C-alpha atoms as a PDB file:
ATOM      1  CA  UNK A   1     -22.225   2.836 -65.972  1.00  0.00           C
ATOM      2  CA  UNK A   2     -23.372   6.380 -66.805  1.00  0.00           C
ATOM      3  CA  UNK A   3     -19.719   7.477 -67.089  1.00  0.00           C
ATOM      4  CA  UNK A   4     -18.964   4.624 -69.524  1.00  0.00           C
ATOM      5  CA  UNK A   5     -21.987   5.570 -71.629  1.00  0.00           C
ATOM      6  CA  UNK A   6     -20.821   9.208 -71.701  1.00  0.00           C
ATOM      7  CA  UNK A   7     -17.342   8.158 -72.844  1.00  0.00           C
ATOM      8  CA  UNK A   8     -18.757   5.888 -75.570  1.00  0.00           C
ATOM      9  CA  UNK A   9     -21.119   8.615 -76.796  1.00  0.00           C
ATOM     10  CA  UNK A  10     -18.306  11.192 -76.776  1.00  0.00           C
ATOM     11  CA  UNK A  11     -16.102   8.901 -78.862  1.00  0.00           C
ATOM     12  CA  UNK A  12     -18.961   8.262 -81.295  1.00  0.00           C
ATOM     13  CA  UNK A  13     -19.502  12.013 -81.721  1.00  0.00           C
ATOM     14  CA  UNK A  14     -15.779  12.615 -82.325  1.00  0.00           C
ATOM     15  CA  UNK A  15     -15.639   9.833 -84.907  1.00  0.00           C
ATOM     16  CA  UNK A  16     -18.505  11.411 -86.825  1.00  0.00           C
ATOM     17  CA  UNK A  17     -17.080  14.946 -86.935  1.00  0.00           C
ATOM     18  CA  UNK A  18     -15.914  15.836 -90.485  1.00  0.00           C
ATOM     19  CA  UNK A  19     -12.175  16.396 -90.688  1.00  0.00           C
ATOM     20  CA  UNK A  20     -11.552  14.497 -87.452  1.00  0.00           C
ATOM     21  CA  UNK A  21      -8.424  12.366 -87.562  1.00  0.00           C
ATOM     22  CA  UNK A  22      -9.060   8.677 -88.035  1.00  0.00           C
ATOM     23  CA  UNK A  23      -6.916   5.561 -88.016  1.00  0.00           C
ATOM     24  CA  UNK A  24      -4.778   6.841 -85.150  1.00  0.00           C
ATOM     25  CA  UNK A  25      -4.082   3.200 -84.318  1.00  0.00           C
ATOM     26  CA  UNK A  26      -2.046   2.906 -87.534  1.00  0.00           C
ATOM     27  CA  UNK A  27       0.772   4.983 -86.017  1.00  0.00           C
ATOM     28  CA  UNK A  28       3.722   5.077 -85.664  1.00  0.00           C
ATOM     29  CA  UNK A  29       4.192   4.860 -89.405  1.00  0.00           C
ATOM     30  CA  UNK A  30       7.168   5.207 -91.752  1.00  0.00           C
ATOM     31  CA  UNK A  31       6.436   6.253 -95.328  1.00  0.00           C
ATOM     32  CA  UNK A  32       9.139   6.019 -97.985  1.00  0.00           C
ATOM     33  CA  UNK A  33       8.312   8.083-101.065  1.00  0.00           C
ATOM     34  CA  UNK A  34       9.984   8.478-104.430  1.00  0.00           C
ATOM     35  CA  UNK A  35      10.471  12.191-105.001  1.00  0.00           C
ATOM     36  CA  UNK A  36      10.753  13.899-108.379  1.00  0.00           C
ATOM     37  CA  UNK A  37      11.539  17.586-108.890  1.00  0.00           C
ATOM     38  CA  UNK A  38      11.547  19.214-112.302  1.00  0.00           C
ATOM     39  CA  UNK A  39      13.116  22.630-112.944  1.00  0.00           C
ATOM     40  CA  UNK A  40      13.214  23.419-116.652  1.00  0.00           C
ATOM     41  CA  UNK A  41      15.368  20.784-118.347  1.00  0.00           C
ATOM     42  CA  UNK A  42      16.659  19.457-115.020  1.00  0.00           C
ATOM     43  CA  UNK A  43      14.973  16.533-113.269  1.00  0.00           C
ATOM     44  CA  UNK A  44      16.103  15.417-109.835  1.00  0.00           C
ATOM     45  CA  UNK A  45      14.932  12.183-108.210  1.00  0.00           C
ATOM     46  CA  UNK A  46      15.459  11.170-104.624  1.00  0.00           C
ATOM     47  CA  UNK A  47      13.900   9.328-101.731  1.00  0.00           C
ATOM     48  CA  UNK A  48      12.058  11.030 -98.877  1.00  0.00           C
ATOM     49  CA  UNK A  49      11.369   9.254 -95.591  1.00  0.00           C
ATOM     50  CA  UNK A  50       8.437  10.510 -93.543  1.00  0.00           C
ATOM     51  CA  UNK A  51       8.148   9.162 -90.004  1.00  0.00           C
ATOM     52  CA  UNK A  52       4.894   9.948 -88.230  1.00  0.00           C
ATOM     53  CA  UNK A  53       5.023   8.794 -84.620  1.00  0.00           C
ATOM     54  CA  UNK A  54       1.461   9.908 -83.969  1.00  0.00           C
ATOM     55  CA  UNK A  55      -1.147  12.335 -85.203  1.00  0.00           C
ATOM     56  CA  UNK A  56      -1.380  15.577 -83.263  1.00  0.00           C
ATOM     57  CA  UNK A  57      -4.085  16.044 -80.659  1.00  0.00           C
ATOM     58  CA  UNK A  58      -7.297  17.686 -81.939  1.00  0.00           C
ATOM     59  CA  UNK A  59      -6.974  20.531 -79.407  1.00  0.00           C
ATOM     60  CA  UNK A  60      -3.478  21.389 -80.682  1.00  0.00           C
ATOM     61  CA  UNK A  61      -4.631  21.194 -84.288  1.00  0.00           C
ATOM     62  CA  UNK A  62      -7.525  23.533 -83.465  1.00  0.00           C
ATOM     63  CA  UNK A  63      -5.106  25.989 -81.815  1.00  0.00           C
ATOM     64  CA  UNK A  64      -2.886  26.045 -84.927  1.00  0.00           C
ATOM     65  CA  UNK A  65      -5.843  26.396 -87.332  1.00  0.00           C
ATOM     66  CA  UNK A  66      -7.371  29.161 -85.190  1.00  0.00           C
ATOM     67  CA  UNK A  67      -4.012  30.965 -85.180  1.00  0.00           C
ATOM     68  CA  UNK A  68      -3.957  30.771 -88.981  1.00  0.00           C
ATOM     69  CA  UNK A  69      -7.527  32.041 -89.315  1.00  0.00           C
ATOM     70  CA  UNK A  70      -7.059  34.869 -86.809  1.00  0.00           C
ATOM     71  CA  UNK A  71      -3.540  36.060 -87.646  1.00  0.00           C
ATOM     72  CA  UNK A  72      -2.631  34.501 -90.981  1.00  0.00           C
ATOM     73  CA  UNK A  73       0.666  32.789 -91.643  1.00  0.00           C
ATOM     74  CA  UNK A  74       2.386  34.393 -88.632  1.00  0.00           C
ATOM     75  CA  UNK A  75      -0.417  33.196 -86.334  1.00  0.00           C
ATOM     76  CA  UNK A  76       0.053  29.684 -87.711  1.00  0.00           C
ATOM     77  CA  UNK A  77       3.805  29.814 -87.090  1.00  0.00           C
ATOM     78  CA  UNK A  78       3.360  31.210 -83.562  1.00  0.00           C
ATOM     79  CA  UNK A  79       0.994  28.352 -82.648  1.00  0.00           C
ATOM     80  CA  UNK A  80       3.011  25.646 -84.450  1.00  0.00           C
ATOM     81  CA  UNK A  81       6.545  26.282 -83.189  1.00  0.00           C
ATOM     82  CA  UNK A  82       6.019  25.420 -79.493  1.00  0.00           C
ATOM     83  CA  UNK A  83       4.271  22.111 -80.271  1.00  0.00           C
ATOM     84  CA  UNK A  84       6.116  18.865 -79.569  1.00  0.00           C
ATOM     85  CA  UNK A  85       7.526  16.932 -82.499  1.00  0.00           C
ATOM     86  CA  UNK A  86       5.264  14.171 -83.838  1.00  0.00           C
ATOM     87  CA  UNK A  87       7.710  12.787 -86.400  1.00  0.00           C
ATOM     88  CA  UNK A  88      10.247  13.786 -89.051  1.00  0.00           C
ATOM     89  CA  UNK A  89      10.847  14.221 -92.772  1.00  0.00           C
ATOM     90  CA  UNK A  90      14.269  13.310 -94.125  1.00  0.00           C
ATOM     91  CA  UNK A  91      16.241  13.234 -97.334  1.00  0.00           C
ATOM     92  CA  UNK A  92      19.742  11.783 -97.630  1.00  0.00           C
ATOM     93  CA  UNK A  93      21.226  15.137 -96.598  1.00  0.00           C
ATOM     94  CA  UNK A  94      18.739  16.835 -94.275  1.00  0.00           C
ATOM     95  CA  UNK A  95      16.007  16.176 -91.717  1.00  0.00           C
ATOM     96  CA  UNK A  96      13.326  18.355 -90.105  1.00  0.00           C
ATOM     97  CA  UNK A  97      10.908  17.598 -87.282  1.00  0.00           C
ATOM     98  CA  UNK A  98       7.164  17.425 -87.837  1.00  0.00           C
ATOM     99  CA  UNK A  99       4.958  19.616 -85.646  1.00  0.00           C
ATOM    100  CA  UNK A 100       1.682  18.984 -87.510  1.00  0.00           C
ATOM    101  CA  UNK A 101       0.243  15.653 -88.669  1.00  0.00           C
ATOM    102  CA  UNK A 102      -3.436  15.284 -89.511  1.00  0.00           C
ATOM    103  CA  UNK A 103      -5.410  12.713 -91.426  1.00  0.00           C
ATOM    104  CA  UNK A 104      -8.853  13.176 -93.025  1.00  0.00           C
ATOM    105  CA  UNK A 105     -11.030  11.343 -95.485  1.00  0.00           C
ATOM    106  CA  UNK A 106     -11.490  13.012 -98.866  1.00  0.00           C
ATOM    107  CA  UNK A 107     -13.698  11.385-101.498  1.00  0.00           C
ATOM    108  CA  UNK A 108     -13.232   7.938 -99.947  1.00  0.00           C
ATOM    109  CA  UNK A 109      -9.439   8.251 -99.747  1.00  0.00           C
ATOM    110  CA  UNK A 110      -7.153   9.107 -96.852  1.00  0.00           C
ATOM    111  CA  UNK A 111      -5.446  12.512 -96.958  1.00  0.00           C
ATOM    112  CA  UNK A 112      -2.396  12.956 -94.736  1.00  0.00           C
ATOM    113  CA  UNK A 113      -0.940  16.425 -94.203  1.00  0.00           C
ATOM    114  CA  UNK A 114       2.351  16.807 -92.340  1.00  0.00           C
ATOM    115  CA  UNK A 115       4.130  20.082 -91.639  1.00  0.00           C
ATOM    116  CA  UNK A 116       7.502  21.062 -90.227  1.00  0.00           C
ATOM    117  CA  UNK A 117       8.213  24.552 -88.917  1.00  0.00           C
ATOM    118  CA  UNK A 118      11.556  24.483 -90.758  1.00  0.00           C
ATOM    119  CA  UNK A 119      12.308  24.302 -94.486  1.00  0.00           C
ATOM    120  CA  UNK A 120      13.752  20.964 -95.644  1.00  0.00           C
ATOM    121  CA  UNK A 121      15.291  22.354 -98.835  1.00  0.00           C
ATOM    122  CA  UNK A 122      15.332  25.260-101.291  1.00  0.00           C
ATOM    123  CA  UNK A 123      15.339  24.286-104.946  1.00  0.00           C
ATOM    124  CA  UNK A 124      15.050  27.811-106.235  1.00  0.00           C
ATOM    125  CA  UNK A 125      18.177  29.712-107.183  1.00  0.00           C
ATOM    126  CA  UNK A 126      16.533  32.827-105.682  1.00  0.00           C
ATOM    127  CA  UNK A 127      17.573  32.594-102.037  1.00  0.00           C
ATOM    128  CA  UNK A 128      15.912  35.970-101.267  1.00  0.00           C
ATOM    129  CA  UNK A 129      12.485  34.360-101.734  1.00  0.00           C
ATOM    130  CA  UNK A 130      13.530  31.529 -99.413  1.00  0.00           C
ATOM    131  CA  UNK A 131      14.300  34.043 -96.668  1.00  0.00           C
ATOM    132  CA  UNK A 132      11.063  35.986 -97.122  1.00  0.00           C
ATOM    133  CA  UNK A 133       8.862  33.843 -94.897  1.00  0.00           C
ATOM    134  CA  UNK A 134       8.886  30.476 -96.659  1.00  0.00           C
ATOM    135  CA  UNK A 135       9.693  28.600 -93.471  1.00  0.00           C
ATOM    136  CA  UNK A 136       7.523  25.464 -93.642  1.00  0.00           C
ATOM    137  CA  UNK A 137       7.961  22.026 -95.149  1.00  0.00           C
ATOM    138  CA  UNK A 138       4.505  20.810 -96.211  1.00  0.00           C
ATOM    139  CA  UNK A 139       3.656  17.301 -97.444  1.00  0.00           C
ATOM    140  CA  UNK A 140       0.250  16.214 -98.683  1.00  0.00           C
ATOM    141  CA  UNK A 141      -0.334  12.558 -99.515  1.00  0.00           C
ATOM    142  CA  UNK A 142      -3.531  10.938-100.792  1.00  0.00           C
ATOM    143  CA  UNK A 143      -3.621   7.192-100.072  1.00  0.00           C
ATOM    144  CA  UNK A 144      -5.624   4.720-102.139  1.00  0.00           C
ATOM    145  CA  UNK A 145      -7.313   1.592-100.770  1.00  0.00           C
ATOM    146  CA  UNK A 146      -4.205  -0.529-101.477  1.00  0.00           C
ATOM    147  CA  UNK A 147      -1.870   1.731 -99.468  1.00  0.00           C
ATOM    148  CA  UNK A 148      -0.216   3.457-102.420  1.00  0.00           C
ATOM    149  CA  UNK A 149      -0.132   7.242-102.443  1.00  0.00           C
ATOM    150  CA  UNK A 150       0.595  10.255-104.571  1.00  0.00           C
ATOM    151  CA  UNK A 151       1.162  13.771-103.405  1.00  0.00           C
ATOM    152  CA  UNK A 152       3.363  16.796-103.207  1.00  0.00           C
ATOM    153  CA  UNK A 153       6.028  18.230-100.963  1.00  0.00           C
ATOM    154  CA  UNK A 154       7.021  21.867-100.739  1.00  0.00           C
ATOM    155  CA  UNK A 155      10.401  22.186 -99.046  1.00  0.00           C
ATOM    156  CA  UNK A 156       9.929  25.897 -98.337  1.00  0.00           C
ATOM    157  CA  UNK A 157       6.321  27.052 -98.214  1.00  0.00           C
ATOM    158  CA  UNK A 158       3.513  29.097 -96.677  1.00  0.00           C
ATOM    159  CA  UNK A 159      -0.013  27.905 -95.894  1.00  0.00           C
ATOM    160  CA  UNK A 160      -3.509  29.370 -95.817  1.00  0.00           C
ATOM    161  CA  UNK A 161      -6.748  28.119 -94.261  1.00  0.00           C
ATOM    162  CA  UNK A 162      -8.925  25.697 -96.210  1.00  0.00           C
ATOM    163  CA  UNK A 163     -12.611  25.650 -95.316  1.00  0.00           C
ATOM    164  CA  UNK A 164     -13.006  21.879 -95.260  1.00  0.00           C
ATOM    165  CA  UNK A 165      -9.533  20.405 -94.761  1.00  0.00           C
ATOM    166  CA  UNK A 166      -7.630  22.668 -92.358  1.00  0.00           C
ATOM    167  CA  UNK A 167      -4.679  23.979 -94.377  1.00  0.00           C
ATOM    168  CA  UNK A 168      -3.510  24.133 -97.988  1.00  0.00           C
ATOM    169  CA  UNK A 169      -0.413  25.515 -99.662  1.00  0.00           C
ATOM    170  CA  UNK A 170      -0.613  29.251-100.193  1.00  0.00           C
ATOM    171  CA  UNK A 171       2.723  29.746-101.882  1.00  0.00           C
ATOM    172  CA  UNK A 172       6.087  28.051-102.180  1.00  0.00           C
ATOM    173  CA  UNK A 173       9.655  29.051-102.969  1.00  0.00           C
ATOM    174  CA  UNK A 174       9.976  26.475-105.775  1.00  0.00           C
ATOM    175  CA  UNK A 175       7.538  24.184-107.582  1.00  0.00           C
ATOM    176  CA  UNK A 176       6.347  21.366-105.312  1.00  0.00           C
ATOM    177  CA  UNK A 177       8.122  18.025-105.548  1.00  0.00           C
ATOM    178  CA  UNK A 178       5.946  15.157-106.768  1.00  0.00           C
ATOM    179  CA  UNK A 179       5.793  12.183-104.390  1.00  0.00           C
ATOM    180  CA  UNK A 180       4.833   8.574-105.089  1.00  0.00           C
ATOM    181  CA  UNK A 181       4.467   5.818-102.500  1.00  0.00           C
ATOM    182  CA  UNK A 182       4.233   2.246-103.744  1.00  0.00           C
ATOM    183  CA  UNK A 183       1.336   0.207-102.391  1.00  0.00           C
ATOM    184  CA  UNK A 184       2.196  -1.700 -99.267  1.00  0.00           C
ATOM    185  CA  UNK A 185       5.004   0.685 -98.260  1.00  0.00           C
END
């Protein structure tokens, strides 16, 4: 009985920790987003499919965040690369595996961040910038109460620590792609 009480109390504490992942029972999940990229007078639209099999374990997330805080972008990459895949991000022509998937609540909405340790695409004509350490694909989606979402995707990016949410985009090789998910998708 004491062991059961300890487990229940531990779960209650974890559920109350800010930034702790919630709604893990809603995975696996497939998200189909309309993607729109604008570069000057050129607009490109496509579809992006994000498959999240599960959120990452809190201990692995902590290891990646601590690597970022202690050793910057390279520390993040060193901690991220050996992690098992938790999903994928795909376009019609390319797919990368997710190593990071974390959900938090922000202003009453659900924020999902997914990261791959490989770039999904380079939109910039300057391939030298793409080779200079822009190795991540980063997607941030904010879901409303009806299940619709808006967000961004950087196909070749770097991250930096965020005090309250884990990670945020630091820089990207080309302007982020705008994503829209219809409610109920």
